[in-house]
N, C-alpha and C. Protein backbone atom coordinates (compact mmCIF):
# COMPACT_ATOMS: atom_id res chain seq x y z
N MET A 1 -35.86 8.15 -153.01
CA MET A 1 -36.63 9.04 -152.19
C MET A 1 -35.88 9.28 -150.88
N ILE A 2 -35.85 10.54 -150.47
CA ILE A 2 -35.17 10.92 -149.23
C ILE A 2 -36.20 10.94 -148.11
N LYS A 3 -35.82 10.31 -147.01
CA LYS A 3 -36.71 10.33 -145.84
C LYS A 3 -36.15 11.32 -144.83
N TYR A 4 -36.97 12.27 -144.47
CA TYR A 4 -36.57 13.26 -143.47
C TYR A 4 -37.13 12.86 -142.11
N ALA A 5 -36.33 13.10 -141.12
CA ALA A 5 -36.79 12.81 -139.76
C ALA A 5 -37.79 13.88 -139.35
N ILE A 6 -38.92 13.43 -138.99
CA ILE A 6 -39.96 14.35 -138.52
C ILE A 6 -39.96 14.28 -137.00
N PRO A 7 -39.71 15.42 -136.38
CA PRO A 7 -39.67 15.39 -134.92
C PRO A 7 -41.03 15.03 -134.34
N LYS A 8 -40.98 14.16 -133.38
CA LYS A 8 -42.22 13.77 -132.71
C LYS A 8 -42.65 14.89 -131.79
N LYS A 9 -43.94 15.04 -131.66
CA LYS A 9 -44.46 16.03 -130.73
C LYS A 9 -44.18 15.55 -129.32
N VAL A 10 -43.56 16.41 -128.59
CA VAL A 10 -43.27 16.08 -127.20
C VAL A 10 -44.48 16.48 -126.38
N LYS A 11 -45.00 15.52 -125.69
CA LYS A 11 -46.18 15.78 -124.87
C LYS A 11 -45.74 16.42 -123.56
N LYS A 12 -46.21 17.63 -123.35
CA LYS A 12 -45.87 18.32 -122.11
C LYS A 12 -46.85 17.90 -121.03
N GLU A 13 -46.28 17.55 -119.91
CA GLU A 13 -47.13 17.22 -118.77
C GLU A 13 -47.41 18.48 -117.99
N LYS A 14 -48.62 18.57 -117.49
CA LYS A 14 -48.96 19.71 -116.66
C LYS A 14 -48.17 19.62 -115.37
N THR A 15 -47.59 20.74 -115.01
CA THR A 15 -46.87 20.74 -113.74
C THR A 15 -47.88 20.97 -112.62
N HIS A 16 -47.76 20.15 -111.62
CA HIS A 16 -48.65 20.26 -110.47
C HIS A 16 -47.91 21.01 -109.37
N ILE A 17 -48.47 22.12 -108.97
CA ILE A 17 -47.85 22.91 -107.91
C ILE A 17 -48.41 22.44 -106.58
N ASN A 18 -47.51 22.07 -105.69
CA ASN A 18 -47.90 21.59 -104.37
C ASN A 18 -47.82 22.75 -103.38
N TYR A 19 -48.99 23.19 -102.90
CA TYR A 19 -49.03 24.30 -101.96
C TYR A 19 -49.03 23.83 -100.51
N SER A 20 -48.97 22.54 -100.28
CA SER A 20 -49.09 22.03 -98.91
C SER A 20 -47.91 22.44 -98.03
N ASN A 21 -46.74 22.68 -98.60
CA ASN A 21 -45.59 23.06 -97.79
C ASN A 21 -45.27 24.55 -97.87
N ARG A 22 -46.20 25.31 -98.46
CA ARG A 22 -45.98 26.74 -98.56
C ARG A 22 -45.82 27.32 -97.15
N GLY A 23 -44.81 28.07 -96.93
CA GLY A 23 -44.57 28.68 -95.62
C GLY A 23 -43.76 27.81 -94.68
N MET A 24 -43.54 26.55 -95.03
CA MET A 24 -42.83 25.64 -94.12
C MET A 24 -41.34 26.01 -94.00
N VAL A 25 -40.73 26.46 -95.08
CA VAL A 25 -39.33 26.86 -95.02
C VAL A 25 -39.19 28.10 -94.13
N PHE A 26 -40.11 29.04 -94.29
CA PHE A 26 -40.14 30.25 -93.46
C PHE A 26 -40.33 29.88 -91.99
N GLU A 27 -41.30 29.01 -91.74
CA GLU A 27 -41.59 28.57 -90.38
C GLU A 27 -40.39 27.84 -89.77
N GLU A 28 -39.74 27.00 -90.55
CA GLU A 28 -38.57 26.26 -90.06
C GLU A 28 -37.44 27.21 -89.70
N ALA A 29 -37.25 28.26 -90.50
CA ALA A 29 -36.22 29.25 -90.21
C ALA A 29 -36.53 30.00 -88.91
N ILE A 30 -37.80 30.31 -88.68
CA ILE A 30 -38.20 30.96 -87.42
C ILE A 30 -37.98 30.01 -86.25
N ASN A 31 -38.35 28.74 -86.43
CA ASN A 31 -38.14 27.75 -85.37
C ASN A 31 -36.65 27.62 -85.03
N ASN A 32 -35.80 27.59 -86.05
CA ASN A 32 -34.35 27.51 -85.83
C ASN A 32 -33.84 28.75 -85.10
N THR A 33 -34.36 29.90 -85.49
CA THR A 33 -33.97 31.15 -84.83
C THR A 33 -34.38 31.12 -83.37
N ASN A 34 -35.61 30.69 -83.09
CA ASN A 34 -36.09 30.63 -81.71
C ASN A 34 -35.27 29.64 -80.88
N GLU A 35 -34.88 28.53 -81.49
CA GLU A 35 -34.03 27.56 -80.79
C GLU A 35 -32.68 28.19 -80.46
N TYR A 36 -32.13 28.93 -81.40
CA TYR A 36 -30.87 29.64 -81.15
C TYR A 36 -31.04 30.64 -80.01
N TYR A 37 -32.12 31.42 -80.04
CA TYR A 37 -32.38 32.39 -78.96
C TYR A 37 -32.46 31.68 -77.60
N ARG A 38 -33.12 30.52 -77.56
CA ARG A 38 -33.23 29.76 -76.30
C ARG A 38 -31.86 29.25 -75.86
N ASN A 39 -31.08 28.73 -76.78
CA ASN A 39 -29.76 28.16 -76.46
C ASN A 39 -28.79 29.19 -75.88
N ILE A 40 -28.93 30.44 -76.30
CA ILE A 40 -28.03 31.48 -75.77
C ILE A 40 -28.72 32.30 -74.67
N ASP A 41 -29.87 31.83 -74.21
CA ASP A 41 -30.65 32.49 -73.15
C ASP A 41 -31.01 33.94 -73.50
N LYS A 42 -31.33 34.16 -74.76
CA LYS A 42 -31.74 35.50 -75.18
C LYS A 42 -33.25 35.69 -75.03
N ALA A 43 -34.02 34.65 -75.36
CA ALA A 43 -35.48 34.72 -75.29
C ALA A 43 -36.05 33.32 -75.18
N LEU A 44 -37.26 33.26 -74.68
CA LEU A 44 -37.97 31.98 -74.58
C LEU A 44 -39.25 32.10 -75.40
N ILE A 45 -39.15 31.74 -76.66
CA ILE A 45 -40.28 31.87 -77.59
C ILE A 45 -40.50 30.52 -78.25
N HIS A 46 -41.76 30.08 -78.25
CA HIS A 46 -42.11 28.76 -78.80
C HIS A 46 -43.22 28.88 -79.83
N LYS A 47 -43.25 27.91 -80.71
CA LYS A 47 -44.38 27.74 -81.63
C LYS A 47 -45.49 27.07 -80.87
N LYS A 48 -46.69 27.62 -80.98
CA LYS A 48 -47.83 27.06 -80.27
C LYS A 48 -48.42 25.91 -81.08
N PRO A 49 -48.73 24.80 -80.42
CA PRO A 49 -49.36 23.69 -81.15
C PRO A 49 -50.82 24.03 -81.48
N THR A 50 -51.30 23.49 -82.58
CA THR A 50 -52.69 23.67 -82.97
C THR A 50 -53.55 22.72 -82.15
N PRO A 51 -54.56 23.24 -81.44
CA PRO A 51 -55.38 22.36 -80.60
C PRO A 51 -56.32 21.49 -81.45
N ILE A 52 -56.10 20.16 -81.43
CA ILE A 52 -56.96 19.24 -82.17
C ILE A 52 -57.53 18.19 -81.23
N HIS A 53 -58.68 17.68 -81.60
CA HIS A 53 -59.31 16.59 -80.87
C HIS A 53 -59.25 15.35 -81.76
N ILE A 54 -58.57 14.32 -81.28
CA ILE A 54 -58.40 13.09 -82.06
C ILE A 54 -59.64 12.21 -81.90
N VAL A 55 -60.20 11.78 -83.02
CA VAL A 55 -61.39 10.94 -83.01
C VAL A 55 -61.04 9.48 -83.26
N LYS A 56 -60.14 9.23 -84.23
CA LYS A 56 -59.82 7.86 -84.59
C LYS A 56 -58.32 7.72 -84.87
N ILE A 57 -57.73 6.63 -84.35
CA ILE A 57 -56.31 6.35 -84.54
C ILE A 57 -56.16 4.97 -85.16
N ASP A 58 -55.27 4.86 -86.16
CA ASP A 58 -54.95 3.57 -86.76
C ASP A 58 -53.68 3.05 -86.08
N ASN A 59 -53.82 2.02 -85.25
CA ASN A 59 -52.69 1.48 -84.50
C ASN A 59 -51.90 0.43 -85.28
N SER A 60 -52.33 0.10 -86.50
CA SER A 60 -51.62 -0.92 -87.26
C SER A 60 -50.26 -0.42 -87.74
N ASN A 61 -50.12 0.88 -87.86
CA ASN A 61 -48.83 1.47 -88.26
C ASN A 61 -47.98 1.73 -87.03
N ASN A 62 -46.69 1.75 -87.24
CA ASN A 62 -45.81 2.13 -86.15
C ASN A 62 -44.96 3.29 -86.63
N PRO A 63 -45.11 4.48 -86.19
CA PRO A 63 -45.99 4.92 -85.11
C PRO A 63 -47.45 5.00 -85.56
N ALA A 64 -48.33 5.08 -84.58
CA ALA A 64 -49.77 5.14 -84.86
C ALA A 64 -50.08 6.37 -85.73
N ARG A 65 -51.13 6.24 -86.53
CA ARG A 65 -51.51 7.30 -87.46
C ARG A 65 -52.88 7.83 -87.09
N ILE A 66 -53.02 9.15 -87.05
CA ILE A 66 -54.31 9.77 -86.79
C ILE A 66 -55.13 9.69 -88.07
N CYS A 67 -56.31 9.07 -87.97
CA CYS A 67 -57.18 8.90 -89.14
C CYS A 67 -58.26 9.98 -89.21
N ASP A 68 -58.71 10.42 -88.05
CA ASP A 68 -59.80 11.39 -88.02
C ASP A 68 -59.59 12.30 -86.82
N ALA A 69 -59.67 13.60 -87.07
CA ALA A 69 -59.51 14.58 -86.00
C ALA A 69 -60.18 15.88 -86.44
N TYR A 70 -60.44 16.74 -85.49
CA TYR A 70 -60.97 18.06 -85.82
C TYR A 70 -60.37 19.10 -84.89
N PHE A 71 -60.40 20.35 -85.34
CA PHE A 71 -59.89 21.44 -84.53
C PHE A 71 -60.85 21.71 -83.39
N GLU A 72 -60.32 21.73 -82.16
CA GLU A 72 -61.16 21.99 -81.00
C GLU A 72 -61.63 23.44 -80.98
N GLN A 73 -60.76 24.33 -81.33
CA GLN A 73 -61.06 25.76 -81.35
C GLN A 73 -60.08 26.40 -82.32
N PRO A 74 -60.41 27.59 -82.80
CA PRO A 74 -59.46 28.25 -83.69
C PRO A 74 -58.16 28.56 -82.95
N SER A 75 -57.06 28.27 -83.57
CA SER A 75 -55.76 28.58 -82.98
C SER A 75 -55.57 30.09 -82.99
N THR A 76 -54.87 30.61 -82.00
CA THR A 76 -54.68 32.06 -81.97
C THR A 76 -53.57 32.46 -82.94
N THR A 77 -52.34 32.45 -82.49
CA THR A 77 -51.22 32.85 -83.35
C THR A 77 -50.15 31.76 -83.32
N ASP A 78 -49.15 31.93 -84.16
CA ASP A 78 -48.11 30.91 -84.30
C ASP A 78 -47.13 30.84 -83.14
N TYR A 79 -46.71 31.99 -82.63
CA TYR A 79 -45.61 32.02 -81.66
C TYR A 79 -45.92 32.94 -80.49
N ASN A 80 -45.40 32.57 -79.31
CA ASN A 80 -45.46 33.46 -78.15
C ASN A 80 -44.35 33.13 -77.18
N GLY A 81 -44.06 34.09 -76.31
CA GLY A 81 -43.02 33.87 -75.32
C GLY A 81 -42.61 35.14 -74.60
N ILE A 82 -41.42 35.08 -73.99
CA ILE A 82 -40.90 36.18 -73.18
C ILE A 82 -39.54 36.63 -73.72
N TYR A 83 -39.39 37.95 -73.79
CA TYR A 83 -38.11 38.54 -74.20
C TYR A 83 -37.86 39.78 -73.36
N LYS A 84 -36.77 39.78 -72.62
CA LYS A 84 -36.39 40.91 -71.75
C LYS A 84 -37.56 41.34 -70.85
N GLY A 85 -38.30 40.37 -70.33
CA GLY A 85 -39.41 40.66 -69.43
C GLY A 85 -40.69 41.09 -70.11
N HIS A 86 -40.72 41.06 -71.43
CA HIS A 86 -41.90 41.48 -72.19
C HIS A 86 -42.54 40.26 -72.86
N TYR A 87 -43.88 40.22 -72.80
CA TYR A 87 -44.61 39.16 -73.48
C TYR A 87 -44.65 39.48 -74.98
N ILE A 88 -44.32 38.49 -75.80
CA ILE A 88 -44.32 38.64 -77.26
C ILE A 88 -45.26 37.60 -77.86
N ASP A 89 -46.06 38.03 -78.81
CA ASP A 89 -46.99 37.15 -79.51
C ASP A 89 -46.99 37.57 -80.97
N PHE A 90 -46.78 36.61 -81.88
CA PHE A 90 -46.77 37.00 -83.29
C PHE A 90 -47.22 35.87 -84.20
N GLU A 91 -47.60 36.29 -85.37
CA GLU A 91 -48.03 35.40 -86.45
C GLU A 91 -47.00 35.52 -87.57
N ALA A 92 -46.75 34.44 -88.28
CA ALA A 92 -45.81 34.45 -89.41
C ALA A 92 -46.58 34.05 -90.67
N LYS A 93 -46.51 34.91 -91.68
CA LYS A 93 -47.23 34.66 -92.93
C LYS A 93 -46.31 34.92 -94.11
N GLU A 94 -46.61 34.22 -95.18
CA GLU A 94 -45.79 34.31 -96.39
C GLU A 94 -46.70 34.54 -97.58
N THR A 95 -46.23 35.32 -98.55
CA THR A 95 -46.99 35.53 -99.77
C THR A 95 -46.07 35.56 -100.98
N ARG A 96 -46.60 35.12 -102.11
CA ARG A 96 -45.87 35.20 -103.38
C ARG A 96 -46.31 36.44 -104.16
N ASN A 97 -47.20 37.21 -103.57
CA ASN A 97 -47.69 38.43 -104.20
C ASN A 97 -46.59 39.49 -104.17
N LYS A 98 -46.38 40.18 -105.28
CA LYS A 98 -45.32 41.20 -105.35
C LYS A 98 -45.77 42.56 -104.84
N THR A 99 -47.05 42.87 -104.99
CA THR A 99 -47.51 44.24 -104.76
C THR A 99 -48.26 44.46 -103.46
N SER A 100 -48.65 43.39 -102.77
CA SER A 100 -49.41 43.57 -101.54
C SER A 100 -49.43 42.29 -100.72
N PHE A 101 -49.85 42.45 -99.46
CA PHE A 101 -50.06 41.30 -98.59
C PHE A 101 -51.57 41.08 -98.49
N PRO A 102 -52.09 39.97 -99.05
CA PRO A 102 -53.53 39.71 -99.01
C PRO A 102 -54.00 39.43 -97.58
N LEU A 103 -55.01 40.16 -97.14
CA LEU A 103 -55.50 40.01 -95.77
C LEU A 103 -56.25 38.69 -95.57
N ARG A 104 -56.60 38.01 -96.64
CA ARG A 104 -57.23 36.70 -96.50
C ARG A 104 -56.24 35.67 -95.93
N ASN A 105 -54.95 36.01 -95.92
CA ASN A 105 -53.92 35.12 -95.37
C ASN A 105 -53.95 35.06 -93.85
N ILE A 106 -54.66 35.98 -93.23
CA ILE A 106 -54.73 36.01 -91.77
C ILE A 106 -56.20 36.00 -91.35
N ASN A 107 -56.51 35.25 -90.32
CA ASN A 107 -57.90 35.11 -89.86
C ASN A 107 -58.26 36.22 -88.88
N GLU A 108 -59.55 36.54 -88.85
CA GLU A 108 -60.02 37.62 -87.98
C GLU A 108 -59.71 37.33 -86.51
N HIS A 109 -59.90 36.08 -86.06
CA HIS A 109 -59.63 35.80 -84.65
C HIS A 109 -58.15 36.01 -84.31
N GLN A 110 -57.27 35.85 -85.29
CA GLN A 110 -55.85 36.10 -85.06
C GLN A 110 -55.58 37.60 -84.92
N VAL A 111 -56.22 38.39 -85.78
CA VAL A 111 -56.06 39.85 -85.69
C VAL A 111 -56.59 40.34 -84.35
N LYS A 112 -57.77 39.86 -83.95
CA LYS A 112 -58.35 40.26 -82.66
C LYS A 112 -57.41 39.89 -81.51
N HIS A 113 -56.84 38.70 -81.57
CA HIS A 113 -55.92 38.25 -80.53
C HIS A 113 -54.68 39.16 -80.46
N LEU A 114 -54.10 39.46 -81.60
CA LEU A 114 -52.91 40.32 -81.63
C LEU A 114 -53.20 41.71 -81.07
N LEU A 115 -54.36 42.25 -81.43
CA LEU A 115 -54.74 43.57 -80.92
C LEU A 115 -54.99 43.53 -79.42
N LYS A 116 -55.57 42.44 -78.92
CA LYS A 116 -55.82 42.28 -77.49
C LYS A 116 -54.51 42.19 -76.72
N VAL A 117 -53.53 41.48 -77.28
CA VAL A 117 -52.21 41.38 -76.65
C VAL A 117 -51.61 42.78 -76.49
N GLN A 118 -51.71 43.60 -77.55
CA GLN A 118 -51.20 44.97 -77.48
C GLN A 118 -51.95 45.78 -76.44
N GLU A 119 -53.26 45.62 -76.43
CA GLU A 119 -54.10 46.35 -75.47
C GLU A 119 -53.70 46.01 -74.02
N MET A 120 -53.27 44.78 -73.79
CA MET A 120 -52.88 44.33 -72.46
C MET A 120 -51.41 44.64 -72.14
N GLY A 121 -50.72 45.33 -73.04
CA GLY A 121 -49.35 45.74 -72.77
C GLY A 121 -48.27 44.85 -73.35
N GLY A 122 -48.67 43.84 -74.11
CA GLY A 122 -47.69 42.95 -74.74
C GLY A 122 -47.22 43.49 -76.08
N ILE A 123 -46.25 42.82 -76.65
CA ILE A 123 -45.72 43.16 -77.97
C ILE A 123 -46.31 42.16 -78.96
N SER A 124 -46.97 42.68 -80.00
CA SER A 124 -47.55 41.77 -80.99
C SER A 124 -47.35 42.33 -82.39
N PHE A 125 -47.13 41.42 -83.31
CA PHE A 125 -46.84 41.81 -84.69
C PHE A 125 -47.04 40.62 -85.61
N VAL A 126 -46.92 40.89 -86.91
CA VAL A 126 -46.94 39.84 -87.93
C VAL A 126 -45.62 39.91 -88.68
N LEU A 127 -44.95 38.77 -88.79
CA LEU A 127 -43.78 38.68 -89.66
C LEU A 127 -44.30 38.30 -91.04
N MET A 128 -44.08 39.16 -92.02
CA MET A 128 -44.56 38.93 -93.38
C MET A 128 -43.37 38.70 -94.30
N ARG A 129 -43.39 37.56 -94.97
CA ARG A 129 -42.32 37.25 -95.92
C ARG A 129 -42.86 37.38 -97.33
N PHE A 130 -42.21 38.22 -98.12
CA PHE A 130 -42.52 38.36 -99.54
C PHE A 130 -41.50 37.52 -100.29
N THR A 131 -41.91 36.34 -100.73
CA THR A 131 -40.96 35.39 -101.32
C THR A 131 -40.33 35.91 -102.61
N LEU A 132 -41.10 36.61 -103.43
CA LEU A 132 -40.56 37.08 -104.71
C LEU A 132 -39.58 38.24 -104.54
N HIS A 133 -39.69 38.96 -103.43
CA HIS A 133 -38.73 40.03 -103.11
C HIS A 133 -37.61 39.51 -102.21
N ASP A 134 -37.81 38.32 -101.65
CA ASP A 134 -36.90 37.73 -100.66
C ASP A 134 -36.67 38.71 -99.51
N GLU A 135 -37.79 39.23 -98.98
CA GLU A 135 -37.75 40.18 -97.88
C GLU A 135 -38.74 39.77 -96.80
N ILE A 136 -38.36 40.07 -95.56
CA ILE A 136 -39.24 39.82 -94.42
C ILE A 136 -39.42 41.14 -93.69
N TYR A 137 -40.67 41.43 -93.32
CA TYR A 137 -40.98 42.64 -92.58
C TYR A 137 -41.70 42.30 -91.29
N LEU A 138 -41.36 43.04 -90.24
CA LEU A 138 -42.10 42.99 -89.00
C LEU A 138 -43.13 44.11 -89.10
N VAL A 139 -44.41 43.74 -89.05
CA VAL A 139 -45.48 44.72 -89.19
C VAL A 139 -46.28 44.73 -87.90
N ASP A 140 -46.37 45.90 -87.27
CA ASP A 140 -47.07 46.03 -86.00
C ASP A 140 -48.55 45.65 -86.15
N SER A 141 -49.09 45.07 -85.11
CA SER A 141 -50.48 44.61 -85.12
C SER A 141 -51.47 45.74 -85.37
N SER A 142 -51.16 46.93 -84.89
CA SER A 142 -52.10 48.05 -85.08
C SER A 142 -52.25 48.38 -86.57
N LEU A 143 -51.18 48.29 -87.34
CA LEU A 143 -51.26 48.54 -88.78
C LEU A 143 -52.05 47.43 -89.47
N VAL A 144 -51.81 46.20 -89.06
CA VAL A 144 -52.56 45.07 -89.62
C VAL A 144 -54.05 45.25 -89.32
N GLY A 145 -54.37 45.59 -88.06
CA GLY A 145 -55.76 45.79 -87.66
C GLY A 145 -56.43 46.92 -88.42
N LYS A 146 -55.69 48.02 -88.63
CA LYS A 146 -56.22 49.17 -89.36
C LYS A 146 -56.67 48.76 -90.76
N TYR A 147 -55.83 48.01 -91.46
CA TYR A 147 -56.17 47.57 -92.81
C TYR A 147 -57.21 46.45 -92.79
N TYR A 148 -57.12 45.57 -91.82
CA TYR A 148 -58.04 44.44 -91.76
C TYR A 148 -59.49 44.91 -91.58
N TYR A 149 -59.67 45.91 -90.74
CA TYR A 149 -61.02 46.38 -90.44
C TYR A 149 -61.46 47.55 -91.31
N SER A 150 -60.67 47.89 -92.32
CA SER A 150 -61.06 48.92 -93.27
C SER A 150 -61.96 48.29 -94.33
N ASP A 151 -63.04 48.97 -94.67
CA ASP A 151 -63.96 48.45 -95.70
C ASP A 151 -63.41 48.66 -97.11
N LYS A 152 -62.38 49.46 -97.23
CA LYS A 152 -61.90 49.87 -98.55
C LYS A 152 -60.87 48.94 -99.16
N THR A 153 -60.28 48.06 -98.37
CA THR A 153 -59.16 47.29 -98.90
C THR A 153 -59.20 45.83 -98.47
N LYS A 154 -58.63 44.97 -99.30
CA LYS A 154 -58.53 43.54 -98.99
C LYS A 154 -57.07 43.13 -98.86
N SER A 155 -56.19 44.12 -98.88
CA SER A 155 -54.77 43.82 -98.77
C SER A 155 -54.03 45.05 -98.24
N ILE A 156 -52.79 44.80 -97.81
CA ILE A 156 -51.92 45.91 -97.40
C ILE A 156 -50.89 46.08 -98.52
N PRO A 157 -50.84 47.26 -99.14
CA PRO A 157 -49.89 47.45 -100.24
C PRO A 157 -48.44 47.22 -99.80
N TYR A 158 -47.67 46.63 -100.68
CA TYR A 158 -46.25 46.36 -100.40
C TYR A 158 -45.51 47.65 -100.02
N GLN A 159 -45.82 48.74 -100.71
CA GLN A 159 -45.14 50.01 -100.43
C GLN A 159 -45.45 50.52 -99.02
N VAL A 160 -46.66 50.28 -98.53
CA VAL A 160 -47.02 50.66 -97.16
C VAL A 160 -46.22 49.81 -96.17
N ILE A 161 -46.14 48.51 -96.44
CA ILE A 161 -45.38 47.61 -95.57
C ILE A 161 -43.90 48.00 -95.58
N LYS A 162 -43.41 48.35 -96.75
CA LYS A 162 -42.00 48.74 -96.88
C LYS A 162 -41.71 50.04 -96.11
N SER A 163 -42.67 50.98 -96.11
CA SER A 163 -42.43 52.26 -95.45
C SER A 163 -42.80 52.25 -93.96
N LYS A 164 -43.85 51.52 -93.58
CA LYS A 164 -44.29 51.53 -92.18
C LYS A 164 -43.90 50.28 -91.40
N GLY A 165 -43.56 49.23 -92.13
CA GLY A 165 -43.07 48.01 -91.48
C GLY A 165 -41.58 48.15 -91.25
N HIS A 166 -40.97 47.10 -90.74
CA HIS A 166 -39.55 47.14 -90.40
C HIS A 166 -38.88 45.90 -90.98
N LYS A 167 -37.91 46.13 -91.86
CA LYS A 167 -37.24 45.01 -92.53
C LYS A 167 -36.44 44.19 -91.52
N VAL A 168 -36.62 42.89 -91.58
CA VAL A 168 -35.94 41.97 -90.66
C VAL A 168 -34.71 41.42 -91.37
N PRO A 169 -33.54 41.54 -90.72
CA PRO A 169 -32.32 41.05 -91.37
C PRO A 169 -32.20 39.52 -91.31
N TYR A 170 -31.62 38.98 -92.36
CA TYR A 170 -31.25 37.57 -92.35
C TYR A 170 -29.93 37.45 -91.61
N GLY A 171 -29.74 36.33 -90.92
CA GLY A 171 -28.50 36.13 -90.20
C GLY A 171 -28.00 34.72 -90.41
N TYR A 172 -26.95 34.37 -89.70
CA TYR A 172 -26.39 33.03 -89.81
C TYR A 172 -26.97 32.12 -88.73
N LEU A 173 -26.66 32.39 -87.48
CA LEU A 173 -27.21 31.56 -86.40
C LEU A 173 -28.66 31.93 -86.11
N ALA A 174 -28.93 33.21 -86.06
CA ALA A 174 -30.32 33.67 -85.97
C ALA A 174 -30.75 33.94 -87.41
N GLU A 175 -31.31 32.91 -88.05
CA GLU A 175 -31.62 32.98 -89.49
C GLU A 175 -32.50 34.17 -89.84
N ILE A 176 -33.51 34.42 -89.00
CA ILE A 176 -34.41 35.55 -89.17
C ILE A 176 -34.36 36.32 -87.86
N ASP A 177 -33.47 37.29 -87.78
CA ASP A 177 -33.17 37.95 -86.50
C ASP A 177 -34.19 39.03 -86.16
N TYR A 178 -35.43 38.60 -85.91
CA TYR A 178 -36.51 39.54 -85.66
C TYR A 178 -36.37 40.26 -84.32
N LEU A 179 -35.66 39.68 -83.34
CA LEU A 179 -35.51 40.36 -82.05
C LEU A 179 -34.65 41.62 -82.16
N LYS A 180 -33.79 41.67 -83.15
CA LYS A 180 -33.02 42.89 -83.41
C LYS A 180 -33.98 44.03 -83.75
N VAL A 181 -35.02 43.72 -84.51
CA VAL A 181 -36.03 44.72 -84.87
C VAL A 181 -36.92 45.03 -83.67
N VAL A 182 -37.28 44.02 -82.89
CA VAL A 182 -38.08 44.24 -81.67
C VAL A 182 -37.35 45.22 -80.75
N ASP A 183 -36.04 45.04 -80.60
CA ASP A 183 -35.24 45.96 -79.78
C ASP A 183 -35.38 47.40 -80.27
N GLN A 184 -35.28 47.61 -81.56
CA GLN A 184 -35.33 48.96 -82.13
C GLN A 184 -36.72 49.57 -82.07
N VAL A 185 -37.74 48.78 -82.40
CA VAL A 185 -39.09 49.30 -82.54
C VAL A 185 -39.82 49.42 -81.20
N TYR A 186 -39.74 48.39 -80.37
CA TYR A 186 -40.54 48.35 -79.15
C TYR A 186 -39.76 48.69 -77.88
N LEU A 187 -38.47 48.41 -77.87
CA LEU A 187 -37.69 48.60 -76.64
C LEU A 187 -36.70 49.76 -76.73
N ASN A 188 -36.73 50.47 -77.85
CA ASN A 188 -35.88 51.65 -78.07
C ASN A 188 -34.41 51.40 -77.76
N GLU A 189 -33.90 50.28 -78.22
CA GLU A 189 -32.48 49.95 -77.99
C GLU A 189 -31.71 49.98 -79.29
């Protein structure tokens, strides 16, 4: 009798997708760009810390570990600072969506803040990264506000962002050279 090898069923494990670091690579590239801008005295733009109230700390670890905390108030936007005498305030968001930017990715208080900055004469925008297209766009706050407060839509179509937004070039030292776009769009340079 001939014995044939019967392949064993390979048990596939479910892949667990970790969304906790989504946007961190994008944020790190912006932080590196801002550090470069500061080092060459081009702009002074910082990431704003999230305001939290610490309730409980575990001192048994070195360094101490926060065990319990809550947000004191909603954070406004991710970044702000000064460039060529102009106040700049912006939010950075990332999506894996190919066809649109979901407006649920940005909070209403952030949209209100960005619109208020513009109303007061500052420069405000959202940097939107489409990971599947590997593209970043600078989208003016007024366009974001228009879509956010429209009853007809829950997203901004990719084609609208592509036509009305401004593509941000990737660079070497300035990894995401958004100030090049700020010069063209807001400062007419």
